[in-house]
Amino acid sequence: MGQNHRFKPGNKAPNNGNYVEVGVGGSMVVNPRNIHLNAGEPFPETSNHERQWTYAPKPQH
């Protein structure tokens, strides 16, 4: 069983980190919301019903 990488509003964050909105099919969103949550905090509502939360890409050095 693998770790889930898509989260719906109300789900609890599995880890401390930054999360970003994506389309339900995984498509990127123009000007997505970017949030920081600590482990156990619930995900807020998305901008619309066709979006979910996923891990934000890590910045490359």
PDB file of N, CA and C in Angstrom:
ATOM      1  N   MET A   1       0.829  -1.169   0.000  1.00  0.00           N
ATOM      2  CA  MET A   1       0.000   0.000   0.000  1.00  0.00           C
ATOM      3  C   MET A   1       0.880   1.242   0.000  1.00  0.00           C
ATOM      4  N   GLY A   2       0.676   2.100  -0.970  1.00  0.00           N
ATOM      5  CA  GLY A   2       1.464   3.313  -1.071  1.00  0.00           C
ATOM      6  C   GLY A   2       0.779   4.485  -0.395  1.00  0.00           C
ATOM      7  N   GLN A   3       1.521   5.524  -0.238  1.00  0.00           N
ATOM      8  CA  GLN A   3       0.988   6.730   0.367  1.00  0.00           C
ATOM      9  C   GLN A   3       0.174   7.503  -0.663  1.00  0.00           C
ATOM     10  N   ASN A   4      -0.936   8.055  -0.230  1.00  0.00           N
ATOM     11  CA  ASN A   4      -1.789   8.833  -1.109  1.00  0.00           C
ATOM     12  C   ASN A   4      -1.121  10.184  -1.404  1.00  0.00           C
ATOM     13  N   HIS A   5      -1.204  10.633  -2.654  1.00  0.00           N
ATOM     14  CA  HIS A   5      -0.592  11.910  -3.027  1.00  0.00           C
ATOM     15  C   HIS A   5      -1.628  12.952  -3.402  1.00  0.00           C
ATOM     16  N   ARG A   6      -2.892  12.606  -3.340  1.00  0.00           N
ATOM     17  CA  ARG A   6      -3.985  13.541  -3.626  1.00  0.00           C
ATOM     18  C   ARG A   6      -4.853  13.629  -2.392  1.00  0.00           C
ATOM     19  N   PHE A   7      -5.236  14.845  -2.036  1.00  0.00           N
ATOM     20  CA  PHE A   7      -5.999  15.040  -0.814  1.00  0.00           C
ATOM     21  C   PHE A   7      -7.192  15.934  -1.087  1.00  0.00           C
ATOM     22  N   LYS A   8      -8.314  15.586  -0.479  1.00  0.00           N
ATOM     23  CA  LYS A   8      -9.543  16.361  -0.618  1.00  0.00           C
ATOM     24  C   LYS A   8      -9.674  17.294   0.577  1.00  0.00           C
ATOM     25  N   PRO A   9     -10.430  18.384   0.423  1.00  0.00           N
ATOM     26  CA  PRO A   9     -10.661  19.272   1.572  1.00  0.00           C
ATOM     27  C   PRO A   9     -11.205  18.472   2.759  1.00  0.00           C
ATOM     28  N   GLY A  10     -10.676  18.747   3.931  1.00  0.00           N
ATOM     29  CA  GLY A  10     -11.086  18.029   5.138  1.00  0.00           C
ATOM     30  C   GLY A  10     -10.169  16.874   5.504  1.00  0.00           C
ATOM     31  N   ASN A  11      -9.431  16.315   4.509  1.00  0.00           N
ATOM     32  CA  ASN A  11      -8.442  15.283   4.832  1.00  0.00           C
ATOM     33  C   ASN A  11      -7.357  15.902   5.696  1.00  0.00           C
ATOM     34  N   LYS A  12      -6.687  15.082   6.473  1.00  0.00           N
ATOM     35  CA  LYS A  12      -5.598  15.590   7.315  1.00  0.00           C
ATOM     36  C   LYS A  12      -4.262  15.449   6.597  1.00  0.00           C
ATOM     37  N   ALA A  13      -3.416  16.462   6.743  1.00  0.00           N
ATOM     38  CA  ALA A  13      -2.097  16.448   6.117  1.00  0.00           C
ATOM     39  C   ALA A  13      -1.251  15.341   6.740  1.00  0.00           C
ATOM     40  N   PRO A  14      -0.611  14.497   5.911  1.00  0.00           N
ATOM     41  CA  PRO A  14       0.192  13.404   6.453  1.00  0.00           C
ATOM     42  C   PRO A  14       1.539  13.867   7.004  1.00  0.00           C
ATOM     43  N   ASN A  15       2.062  14.977   6.485  1.00  0.00           N
ATOM     44  CA  ASN A  15       3.388  15.471   6.878  1.00  0.00           C
ATOM     45  C   ASN A  15       3.372  16.987   6.942  1.00  0.00           C
ATOM     46  N   ASN A  16       4.362  17.543   7.622  1.00  0.00           N
ATOM     47  CA  ASN A  16       4.575  18.985   7.554  1.00  0.00           C
ATOM     48  C   ASN A  16       5.033  19.308   6.143  1.00  0.00           C
ATOM     49  N   GLY A  17       4.525  20.376   5.558  1.00  0.00           N
ATOM     50  CA  GLY A  17       5.005  20.734   4.229  1.00  0.00           C
ATOM     51  C   GLY A  17       4.095  21.678   3.493  1.00  0.00           C
ATOM     52  N   ASN A  18       4.515  21.970   2.266  1.00  0.00           N
ATOM     53  CA  ASN A  18       3.768  22.858   1.387  1.00  0.00           C
ATOM     54  C   ASN A  18       2.932  22.019   0.436  1.00  0.00           C
ATOM     55  N   TYR A  19       1.726  22.481   0.194  1.00  0.00           N
ATOM     56  CA  TYR A  19       0.781  21.790  -0.679  1.00  0.00           C
ATOM     57  C   TYR A  19       0.222  22.794  -1.677  1.00  0.00           C
ATOM     58  N   VAL A  20      -0.156  22.297  -2.857  1.00  0.00           N
ATOM     59  CA  VAL A  20      -0.635  23.145  -3.932  1.00  0.00           C
ATOM     60  C   VAL A  20      -1.875  22.507  -4.558  1.00  0.00           C
ATOM     61  N   GLU A  21      -2.759  23.352  -5.110  1.00  0.00           N
ATOM     62  CA  GLU A  21      -3.958  22.853  -5.789  1.00  0.00           C
ATOM     63  C   GLU A  21      -3.609  22.312  -7.169  1.00  0.00           C
ATOM     64  N   VAL A  22      -4.244  21.217  -7.552  1.00  0.00           N
ATOM     65  CA  VAL A  22      -4.136  20.664  -8.906  1.00  0.00           C
ATOM     66  C   VAL A  22      -5.533  20.280  -9.368  1.00  0.00           C
ATOM     67  N   GLY A  23      -5.695  20.152 -10.678  1.00  0.00           N
ATOM     68  CA  GLY A  23      -6.955  19.678 -11.228  1.00  0.00           C
ATOM     69  C   GLY A  23      -7.149  18.217 -10.866  1.00  0.00           C
ATOM     70  N   VAL A  24      -8.388  17.748 -10.886  1.00  0.00           N
ATOM     71  CA  VAL A  24      -8.690  16.370 -10.506  1.00  0.00           C
ATOM     72  C   VAL A  24      -7.920  15.370 -11.362  1.00  0.00           C
ATOM     73  N   GLY A  25      -7.723  15.663 -12.636  1.00  0.00           N
ATOM     74  CA  GLY A  25      -6.975  14.764 -13.509  1.00  0.00           C
ATOM     75  C   GLY A  25      -5.475  14.930 -13.390  1.00  0.00           C
ATOM     76  N   GLY A  26      -5.015  15.775 -12.485  1.00  0.00           N
ATOM     77  CA  GLY A  26      -3.587  15.992 -12.303  1.00  0.00           C
ATOM     78  C   GLY A  26      -3.056  17.175 -13.087  1.00  0.00           C
ATOM     79  N   SER A  27      -3.942  17.860 -13.822  1.00  0.00           N
ATOM     80  CA  SER A  27      -3.487  18.997 -14.614  1.00  0.00           C
ATOM     81  C   SER A  27      -3.116  20.160 -13.696  1.00  0.00           C
ATOM     82  N   MET A  28      -2.139  20.926 -14.127  1.00  0.00           N
ATOM     83  CA  MET A  28      -1.730  22.085 -13.344  1.00  0.00           C
ATOM     84  C   MET A  28      -2.778  23.179 -13.481  1.00  0.00           C
ATOM     85  N   VAL A  29      -2.872  24.026 -12.474  1.00  0.00           N
ATOM     86  CA  VAL A  29      -3.863  25.088 -12.408  1.00  0.00           C
ATOM     87  C   VAL A  29      -3.141  26.430 -12.555  1.00  0.00           C
ATOM     88  N   VAL A  30      -3.741  27.369 -13.274  1.00  0.00           N
ATOM     89  CA  VAL A  30      -3.174  28.711 -13.398  1.00  0.00           C
ATOM     90  C   VAL A  30      -3.337  29.405 -12.050  1.00  0.00           C
ATOM     91  N   ASN A  31      -2.248  29.961 -11.518  1.00  0.00           N
ATOM     92  CA  ASN A  31      -2.233  30.626 -10.212  1.00  0.00           C
ATOM     93  C   ASN A  31      -2.856  29.765  -9.107  1.00  0.00           C
ATOM     94  N   PRO A  32      -2.296  28.574  -8.853  1.00  0.00           N
ATOM     95  CA  PRO A  32      -2.870  27.706  -7.817  1.00  0.00           C
ATOM     96  C   PRO A  32      -2.614  28.253  -6.415  1.00  0.00           C
ATOM     97  N   ARG A  33      -3.495  27.927  -5.500  1.00  0.00           N
ATOM     98  CA  ARG A  33      -3.259  28.279  -4.098  1.00  0.00           C
ATOM     99  C   ARG A  33      -2.134  27.404  -3.579  1.00  0.00           C
ATOM    100  N   ASN A  34      -1.290  27.980  -2.760  1.00  0.00           N
ATOM    101  CA  ASN A  34      -0.157  27.277  -2.170  1.00  0.00           C
ATOM    102  C   ASN A  34      -0.252  27.482  -0.670  1.00  0.00           C
ATOM    103  N   ILE A  35      -0.272  26.395   0.110  1.00  0.00           N
ATOM    104  CA  ILE A  35      -0.440  26.491   1.558  1.00  0.00           C
ATOM    105  C   ILE A  35       0.642  25.693   2.275  1.00  0.00           C
ATOM    106  N   HIS A  36       0.853  26.015   3.538  1.00  0.00           N
ATOM    107  CA  HIS A  36       1.747  25.235   4.391  1.00  0.00           C
ATOM    108  C   HIS A  36       0.897  24.656   5.516  1.00  0.00           C
ATOM    109  N   LEU A  37       1.004  23.343   5.717  1.00  0.00           N
ATOM    110  CA  LEU A  37       0.286  22.678   6.799  1.00  0.00           C
ATOM    111  C   LEU A  37       1.255  21.847   7.628  1.00  0.00           C
ATOM    112  N   ASN A  38       0.932  21.700   8.891  1.00  0.00           N
ATOM    113  CA  ASN A  38       1.658  20.775   9.756  1.00  0.00           C
ATOM    114  C   ASN A  38       0.906  19.456   9.770  1.00  0.00           C
ATOM    115  N   ALA A  39       1.604  18.375  10.074  1.00  0.00           N
ATOM    116  CA  ALA A  39       0.994  17.048  10.092  1.00  0.00           C
ATOM    117  C   ALA A  39      -0.248  17.047  10.982  1.00  0.00           C
ATOM    118  N   GLY A  40      -1.339  16.504  10.457  1.00  0.00           N
ATOM    119  CA  GLY A  40      -2.582  16.394  11.217  1.00  0.00           C
ATOM    120  C   GLY A  40      -3.554  17.540  11.003  1.00  0.00           C
ATOM    121  N   GLU A  41      -3.104  18.635  10.390  1.00  0.00           N
ATOM    122  CA  GLU A  41      -4.015  19.748  10.131  1.00  0.00           C
ATOM    123  C   GLU A  41      -4.900  19.412   8.930  1.00  0.00           C
ATOM    124  N   PRO A  42      -6.162  19.838   8.948  1.00  0.00           N
ATOM    125  CA  PRO A  42      -7.052  19.533   7.819  1.00  0.00           C
ATOM    126  C   PRO A  42      -6.786  20.455   6.626  1.00  0.00           C
ATOM    127  N   PHE A  43      -6.996  19.907   5.433  1.00  0.00           N
ATOM    128  CA  PHE A  43      -6.868  20.708   4.221  1.00  0.00           C
ATOM    129  C   PHE A  43      -8.066  21.641   4.105  1.00  0.00           C
ATOM    130  N   PRO A  44      -7.850  22.900   3.702  1.00  0.00           N
ATOM    131  CA  PRO A  44      -8.973  23.830   3.522  1.00  0.00           C
ATOM    132  C   PRO A  44      -9.722  23.531   2.228  1.00  0.00           C
ATOM    133  N   GLU A  45     -10.830  24.217   2.032  1.00  0.00           N
ATOM    134  CA  GLU A  45     -11.588  24.087   0.791  1.00  0.00           C
ATOM    135  C   GLU A  45     -10.715  24.572  -0.369  1.00  0.00           C
ATOM    136  N   THR A  46     -10.914  23.959  -1.536  1.00  0.00           N
ATOM    137  CA  THR A  46     -10.202  24.378  -2.741  1.00  0.00           C
ATOM    138  C   THR A  46     -10.963  25.517  -3.401  1.00  0.00           C
ATOM    139  N   SER A  47     -10.356  26.126  -4.425  1.00  0.00           N
ATOM    140  CA  SER A  47     -10.975  27.250  -5.123  1.00  0.00           C
ATOM    141  C   SER A  47     -12.236  26.839  -5.869  1.00  0.00           C
ATOM    142  N   ASN A  48     -12.294  25.591  -6.337  1.00  0.00           N
ATOM    143  CA  ASN A  48     -13.522  25.061  -6.929  1.00  0.00           C
ATOM    144  C   ASN A  48     -13.588  23.555  -6.713  1.00  0.00           C
ATOM    145  N   HIS A  49     -14.739  22.954  -7.012  1.00  0.00           N
ATOM    146  CA  HIS A  49     -14.972  21.542  -6.689  1.00  0.00           C
ATOM    147  C   HIS A  49     -14.180  20.573  -7.557  1.00  0.00           C
ATOM    148  N   GLU A  50     -13.547  21.052  -8.614  1.00  0.00           N
ATOM    149  CA  GLU A  50     -12.779  20.169  -9.494  1.00  0.00           C
ATOM    150  C   GLU A  50     -11.284  20.181  -9.172  1.00  0.00           C
ATOM    151  N   ARG A  51     -10.940  20.550  -7.970  1.00  0.00           N
ATOM    152  CA  ARG A  51      -9.526  20.604  -7.576  1.00  0.00           C
ATOM    153  C   ARG A  51      -9.284  19.774  -6.334  1.00  0.00           C
ATOM    154  N   GLN A  52      -8.013  19.367  -6.175  1.00  0.00           N
ATOM    155  CA  GLN A  52      -7.557  18.630  -4.997  1.00  0.00           C
ATOM    156  C   GLN A  52      -6.224  19.232  -4.569  1.00  0.00           C
ATOM    157  N   TRP A  53      -5.724  18.793  -3.426  1.00  0.00           N
ATOM    158  CA  TRP A  53      -4.419  19.224  -2.929  1.00  0.00           C
ATOM    159  C   TRP A  53      -3.397  18.132  -3.188  1.00  0.00           C
ATOM    160  N   THR A  54      -2.152  18.529  -3.471  1.00  0.00           N
ATOM    161  CA  THR A  54      -1.049  17.591  -3.588  1.00  0.00           C
ATOM    162  C   THR A  54       0.214  18.270  -3.069  1.00  0.00           C
ATOM    163  N   TYR A  55       1.275  17.503  -2.942  1.00  0.00           N
ATOM    164  CA  TYR A  55       2.545  18.062  -2.479  1.00  0.00           C
ATOM    165  C   TYR A  55       3.035  19.114  -3.470  1.00  0.00           C
ATOM    166  N   ALA A  56       3.541  20.236  -2.975  1.00  0.00           N
ATOM    167  CA  ALA A  56       4.128  21.256  -3.838  1.00  0.00           C
ATOM    168  C   ALA A  56       5.492  20.749  -4.306  1.00  0.00           C
ATOM    169  N   PRO A  57       5.864  21.027  -5.571  1.00  0.00           N
ATOM    170  CA  PRO A  57       7.175  20.601  -6.041  1.00  0.00           C
ATOM    171  C   PRO A  57       8.279  21.274  -5.222  1.00  0.00           C
ATOM    172  N   LYS A  58       9.318  20.517  -4.951  1.00  0.00           N
ATOM    173  CA  LYS A  58      10.445  21.082  -4.203  1.00  0.00           C
ATOM    174  C   LYS A  58      11.256  21.987  -5.121  1.00  0.00           C
ATOM    175  N   PRO A  59      11.698  23.133  -4.614  1.00  0.00           N
ATOM    176  CA  PRO A  59      12.506  24.024  -5.463  1.00  0.00           C
ATOM    177  C   PRO A  59      13.841  23.370  -5.817  1.00  0.00           C
ATOM    178  N   GLN A  60      14.248  23.561  -7.054  1.00  0.00           N
ATOM    179  CA  GLN A  60      15.537  23.005  -7.480  1.00  0.00           C
ATOM    180  C   GLN A  60      16.625  24.033  -7.239  1.00  0.00           C
ATOM    181  N   HIS A  61      17.790  23.558  -6.854  1.00  0.00           N
ATOM    182  CA  HIS A  61      18.900  24.461  -6.535  1.00  0.00           C
ATOM    183  C   HIS A  61      19.654  24.850  -7.758  1.00  0.00           C
TER     184      HIS A  61
END
